[in-house]
Amino acid sequence: MKTYLLQNEELKELVSKLPGWKIISNHIEREFTFSNFIEAFSFMTKIALICEKHNHHPNWVNIYSKVIIKLSTHDLGGITNLDQKVASEINVIFET
């Protein structure tokens, strides 16, 4: 898959395609809340495998039962189709 920056129309559609994600400056971000640290860490482990598969790694923070994920393609300077794909896969993991 060739990675490219999303353009204005694609960015507008992004929010409806990715429930829970917000566009903030040049990245997309979502906060996930779990009932405890073990659930949050388990989620992060699953996400790490997805990210490694795509060779695309998030900026993320874990505070006890909360995980905040930020996705951006630094090489291209913004939000790309790869960020969208990874975020979509993260949503699937969270919903299952």
N, C-alpha and C. Protein backbone atom coordinates (compact mmCIF):
# COMPACT_ATOMS: atom_id res chain seq x y z
N MET A 1 0.85 -1.17 0.00
CA MET A 1 0.00 0.00 0.00
C MET A 1 0.90 1.24 0.00
N LYS A 2 0.63 2.13 -0.95
CA LYS A 2 1.38 3.38 -1.00
C LYS A 2 0.75 4.36 -0.02
N THR A 3 1.57 4.94 0.84
CA THR A 3 1.09 5.87 1.87
C THR A 3 1.04 7.27 1.29
N TYR A 4 -0.08 7.96 1.56
CA TYR A 4 -0.24 9.34 1.08
C TYR A 4 -1.00 10.16 2.12
N LEU A 5 -0.75 11.46 2.11
CA LEU A 5 -1.45 12.38 3.01
C LEU A 5 -2.92 12.47 2.59
N LEU A 6 -3.80 12.46 3.58
CA LEU A 6 -5.21 12.65 3.30
C LEU A 6 -5.47 14.13 3.01
N GLN A 7 -6.31 14.38 2.03
CA GLN A 7 -6.67 15.75 1.65
C GLN A 7 -7.92 16.18 2.41
N ASN A 8 -8.31 17.44 2.26
CA ASN A 8 -9.40 18.03 3.05
C ASN A 8 -10.67 17.19 3.07
N GLU A 9 -11.16 16.77 1.91
CA GLU A 9 -12.39 15.98 1.86
C GLU A 9 -12.22 14.64 2.57
N GLU A 10 -11.08 14.02 2.39
CA GLU A 10 -10.80 12.75 3.05
C GLU A 10 -10.73 12.92 4.56
N LEU A 11 -10.17 14.02 5.00
CA LEU A 11 -10.09 14.30 6.44
C LEU A 11 -11.48 14.52 7.02
N LYS A 12 -12.35 15.19 6.28
CA LYS A 12 -13.72 15.41 6.75
C LYS A 12 -14.46 14.07 6.90
N GLU A 13 -14.25 13.17 5.96
CA GLU A 13 -14.88 11.85 5.99
C GLU A 13 -14.29 10.96 7.08
N LEU A 14 -13.06 11.22 7.42
CA LEU A 14 -12.34 10.39 8.39
C LEU A 14 -13.08 10.26 9.71
N VAL A 15 -13.61 11.35 10.22
CA VAL A 15 -14.28 11.34 11.51
C VAL A 15 -15.50 10.42 11.49
N SER A 16 -16.24 10.42 10.39
CA SER A 16 -17.41 9.54 10.31
C SER A 16 -17.02 8.08 10.10
N LYS A 17 -15.88 7.85 9.47
CA LYS A 17 -15.41 6.49 9.23
C LYS A 17 -14.77 5.86 10.47
N LEU A 18 -14.26 6.70 11.37
CA LEU A 18 -13.53 6.22 12.54
C LEU A 18 -14.19 6.72 13.82
N PRO A 19 -15.24 6.03 14.28
CA PRO A 19 -15.92 6.46 15.50
C PRO A 19 -14.95 6.56 16.68
N GLY A 20 -15.07 7.66 17.42
CA GLY A 20 -14.25 7.87 18.61
C GLY A 20 -12.97 8.62 18.36
N TRP A 21 -12.51 8.72 17.13
CA TRP A 21 -11.26 9.40 16.82
C TRP A 21 -11.53 10.87 16.52
N LYS A 22 -10.58 11.71 16.92
CA LYS A 22 -10.65 13.15 16.66
C LYS A 22 -9.41 13.58 15.89
N ILE A 23 -9.61 14.54 15.03
CA ILE A 23 -8.47 15.16 14.35
C ILE A 23 -7.99 16.30 15.23
N ILE A 24 -6.74 16.24 15.60
CA ILE A 24 -6.12 17.28 16.41
C ILE A 24 -4.83 17.68 15.72
N SER A 25 -4.83 18.87 15.18
CA SER A 25 -3.67 19.40 14.48
C SER A 25 -3.28 18.45 13.34
N ASN A 26 -2.10 17.84 13.42
CA ASN A 26 -1.65 16.96 12.34
C ASN A 26 -1.66 15.48 12.73
N HIS A 27 -2.55 15.11 13.68
CA HIS A 27 -2.66 13.70 14.04
C HIS A 27 -4.12 13.37 14.37
N ILE A 28 -4.40 12.08 14.46
CA ILE A 28 -5.70 11.63 14.96
C ILE A 28 -5.48 11.01 16.33
N GLU A 29 -6.49 11.14 17.18
CA GLU A 29 -6.33 10.73 18.57
C GLU A 29 -7.62 10.11 19.09
N ARG A 30 -7.45 9.10 19.94
CA ARG A 30 -8.59 8.49 20.61
C ARG A 30 -8.17 8.04 22.00
N GLU A 31 -9.10 8.20 22.93
CA GLU A 31 -8.89 7.74 24.30
C GLU A 31 -9.75 6.51 24.53
N PHE A 32 -9.15 5.47 25.11
CA PHE A 32 -9.84 4.23 25.42
C PHE A 32 -9.81 4.03 26.93
N THR A 33 -10.93 3.63 27.51
CA THR A 33 -11.00 3.41 28.94
C THR A 33 -11.40 1.97 29.22
N PHE A 34 -10.71 1.37 30.17
CA PHE A 34 -10.95 -0.02 30.56
C PHE A 34 -11.26 -0.08 32.04
N SER A 35 -11.59 -1.26 32.53
CA SER A 35 -11.95 -1.35 33.95
C SER A 35 -10.74 -1.47 34.87
N ASN A 36 -9.57 -1.82 34.30
CA ASN A 36 -8.37 -1.92 35.13
C ASN A 36 -7.11 -1.90 34.25
N PHE A 37 -5.97 -1.91 34.91
CA PHE A 37 -4.68 -1.83 34.22
C PHE A 37 -4.43 -3.04 33.33
N ILE A 38 -4.78 -4.24 33.79
CA ILE A 38 -4.52 -5.46 33.02
C ILE A 38 -5.27 -5.41 31.69
N GLU A 39 -6.52 -4.97 31.69
CA GLU A 39 -7.28 -4.86 30.44
C GLU A 39 -6.64 -3.82 29.51
N ALA A 40 -6.23 -2.70 30.07
CA ALA A 40 -5.59 -1.66 29.26
C ALA A 40 -4.28 -2.17 28.66
N PHE A 41 -3.49 -2.85 29.45
CA PHE A 41 -2.20 -3.35 28.96
C PHE A 41 -2.40 -4.46 27.93
N SER A 42 -3.39 -5.30 28.12
CA SER A 42 -3.70 -6.35 27.15
C SER A 42 -4.08 -5.73 25.81
N PHE A 43 -4.88 -4.68 25.85
CA PHE A 43 -5.27 -3.96 24.65
C PHE A 43 -4.03 -3.40 23.95
N MET A 44 -3.13 -2.80 24.72
CA MET A 44 -1.91 -2.24 24.15
C MET A 44 -1.06 -3.32 23.48
N THR A 45 -1.03 -4.49 24.06
CA THR A 45 -0.26 -5.59 23.47
C THR A 45 -0.83 -5.99 22.12
N LYS A 46 -2.15 -6.07 22.04
CA LYS A 46 -2.80 -6.40 20.75
C LYS A 46 -2.52 -5.32 19.72
N ILE A 47 -2.58 -4.08 20.14
CA ILE A 47 -2.34 -2.97 19.23
C ILE A 47 -0.88 -2.96 18.77
N ALA A 48 0.03 -3.29 19.65
CA ALA A 48 1.45 -3.34 19.28
C ALA A 48 1.68 -4.31 18.13
N LEU A 49 0.98 -5.43 18.13
CA LEU A 49 1.12 -6.41 17.04
C LEU A 49 0.60 -5.85 15.72
N ILE A 50 -0.52 -5.14 15.77
CA ILE A 50 -1.06 -4.50 14.55
C ILE A 50 -0.06 -3.47 14.02
N CYS A 51 0.44 -2.65 14.91
CA CYS A 51 1.36 -1.59 14.50
C CYS A 51 2.65 -2.16 13.92
N GLU A 52 3.13 -3.22 14.51
CA GLU A 52 4.35 -3.85 13.99
C GLU A 52 4.10 -4.43 12.60
N LYS A 53 2.93 -5.02 12.41
CA LYS A 53 2.56 -5.58 11.10
C LYS A 53 2.62 -4.51 10.01
N HIS A 54 2.19 -3.30 10.35
CA HIS A 54 2.17 -2.20 9.38
C HIS A 54 3.44 -1.33 9.44
N ASN A 55 4.34 -1.67 10.35
CA ASN A 55 5.54 -0.86 10.58
C ASN A 55 5.16 0.61 10.77
N HIS A 56 4.14 0.80 11.60
CA HIS A 56 3.62 2.15 11.86
C HIS A 56 3.25 2.23 13.34
N HIS A 57 4.00 2.99 14.07
CA HIS A 57 3.91 2.92 15.53
C HIS A 57 3.34 4.21 16.11
N PRO A 58 2.41 4.07 17.05
CA PRO A 58 1.73 5.25 17.60
C PRO A 58 2.53 5.95 18.69
N ASN A 59 2.11 7.17 18.95
CA ASN A 59 2.47 7.81 20.21
C ASN A 59 1.33 7.45 21.13
N TRP A 60 1.65 6.89 22.28
CA TRP A 60 0.56 6.51 23.19
C TRP A 60 0.96 6.66 24.63
N VAL A 61 -0.08 6.77 25.46
CA VAL A 61 0.10 6.94 26.89
C VAL A 61 -0.84 5.98 27.58
N ASN A 62 -0.34 5.36 28.63
CA ASN A 62 -1.18 4.50 29.47
C ASN A 62 -1.12 5.02 30.89
N ILE A 63 -2.30 5.34 31.42
CA ILE A 63 -2.42 5.74 32.82
C ILE A 63 -3.47 4.83 33.43
N TYR A 64 -3.01 3.87 34.20
CA TYR A 64 -3.85 2.85 34.84
C TYR A 64 -4.81 2.21 33.84
N SER A 65 -6.06 2.62 33.80
CA SER A 65 -7.05 1.96 32.95
C SER A 65 -7.35 2.75 31.67
N LYS A 66 -6.56 3.76 31.40
CA LYS A 66 -6.79 4.60 30.22
C LYS A 66 -5.61 4.48 29.26
N VAL A 67 -5.94 4.41 27.96
CA VAL A 67 -4.93 4.40 26.91
C VAL A 67 -5.29 5.50 25.92
N ILE A 68 -4.36 6.39 25.65
CA ILE A 68 -4.56 7.45 24.67
C ILE A 68 -3.60 7.17 23.52
N ILE A 69 -4.18 7.08 22.31
CA ILE A 69 -3.38 6.77 21.12
C ILE A 69 -3.43 7.95 20.16
N LYS A 70 -2.25 8.33 19.66
CA LYS A 70 -2.12 9.38 18.66
C LYS A 70 -1.43 8.78 17.44
N LEU A 71 -2.03 8.98 16.28
CA LEU A 71 -1.46 8.46 15.04
C LEU A 71 -1.18 9.60 14.07
N SER A 72 0.00 9.56 13.49
CA SER A 72 0.41 10.52 12.48
C SER A 72 1.57 9.89 11.71
N THR A 73 1.69 10.25 10.46
CA THR A 73 2.82 9.76 9.68
C THR A 73 3.85 10.88 9.62
N HIS A 74 4.82 10.80 10.49
CA HIS A 74 5.80 11.88 10.65
C HIS A 74 6.60 12.12 9.36
N ASP A 75 6.91 11.05 8.64
CA ASP A 75 7.69 11.20 7.41
C ASP A 75 6.99 12.10 6.40
N LEU A 76 5.64 12.05 6.40
CA LEU A 76 4.88 12.85 5.43
C LEU A 76 4.30 14.11 6.06
N GLY A 77 4.44 14.24 7.36
CA GLY A 77 4.03 15.47 8.03
C GLY A 77 2.55 15.62 8.29
N GLY A 78 1.85 14.50 8.47
CA GLY A 78 0.42 14.63 8.75
C GLY A 78 -0.31 13.31 8.80
N ILE A 79 -1.61 13.38 8.56
CA ILE A 79 -2.49 12.22 8.65
C ILE A 79 -2.58 11.56 7.28
N THR A 80 -2.34 10.26 7.26
CA THR A 80 -2.31 9.53 6.00
C THR A 80 -3.32 8.39 5.98
N ASN A 81 -3.41 7.76 4.81
CA ASN A 81 -4.25 6.57 4.66
C ASN A 81 -3.77 5.44 5.58
N LEU A 82 -2.49 5.41 5.90
CA LEU A 82 -1.97 4.39 6.82
C LEU A 82 -2.47 4.64 8.24
N ASP A 83 -2.51 5.89 8.66
CA ASP A 83 -3.08 6.21 9.97
C ASP A 83 -4.54 5.78 10.04
N GLN A 84 -5.26 6.04 8.97
CA GLN A 84 -6.67 5.65 8.90
C GLN A 84 -6.82 4.14 9.00
N LYS A 85 -5.99 3.40 8.30
CA LYS A 85 -6.08 1.93 8.32
C LYS A 85 -5.77 1.39 9.72
N VAL A 86 -4.71 1.87 10.33
CA VAL A 86 -4.33 1.40 11.66
C VAL A 86 -5.42 1.75 12.68
N ALA A 87 -5.94 2.97 12.61
CA ALA A 87 -7.02 3.38 13.53
C ALA A 87 -8.25 2.50 13.36
N SER A 88 -8.57 2.15 12.13
CA SER A 88 -9.71 1.28 11.87
C SER A 88 -9.49 -0.10 12.50
N GLU A 89 -8.31 -0.64 12.37
CA GLU A 89 -7.99 -1.94 12.97
C GLU A 89 -8.00 -1.86 14.49
N ILE A 90 -7.55 -0.74 15.04
CA ILE A 90 -7.59 -0.55 16.49
C ILE A 90 -9.04 -0.55 16.97
N ASN A 91 -9.93 0.13 16.25
CA ASN A 91 -11.34 0.15 16.61
C ASN A 91 -11.94 -1.26 16.63
N VAL A 92 -11.57 -2.08 15.66
CA VAL A 92 -12.07 -3.46 15.60
C VAL A 92 -11.64 -4.21 16.86
N ILE A 93 -10.37 -4.09 17.23
CA ILE A 93 -9.86 -4.77 18.43
C ILE A 93 -10.61 -4.29 19.67
N PHE A 94 -10.83 -2.98 19.77
CA PHE A 94 -11.50 -2.44 20.95
C PHE A 94 -12.95 -2.93 21.05
N GLU A 95 -13.61 -3.09 19.92
CA GLU A 95 -15.02 -3.47 19.90
C GLU A 95 -15.24 -4.97 20.10
N THR A 96 -14.18 -5.76 19.99
CA THR A 96 -14.37 -7.22 20.15
C THR A 96 -14.05 -7.68 21.56
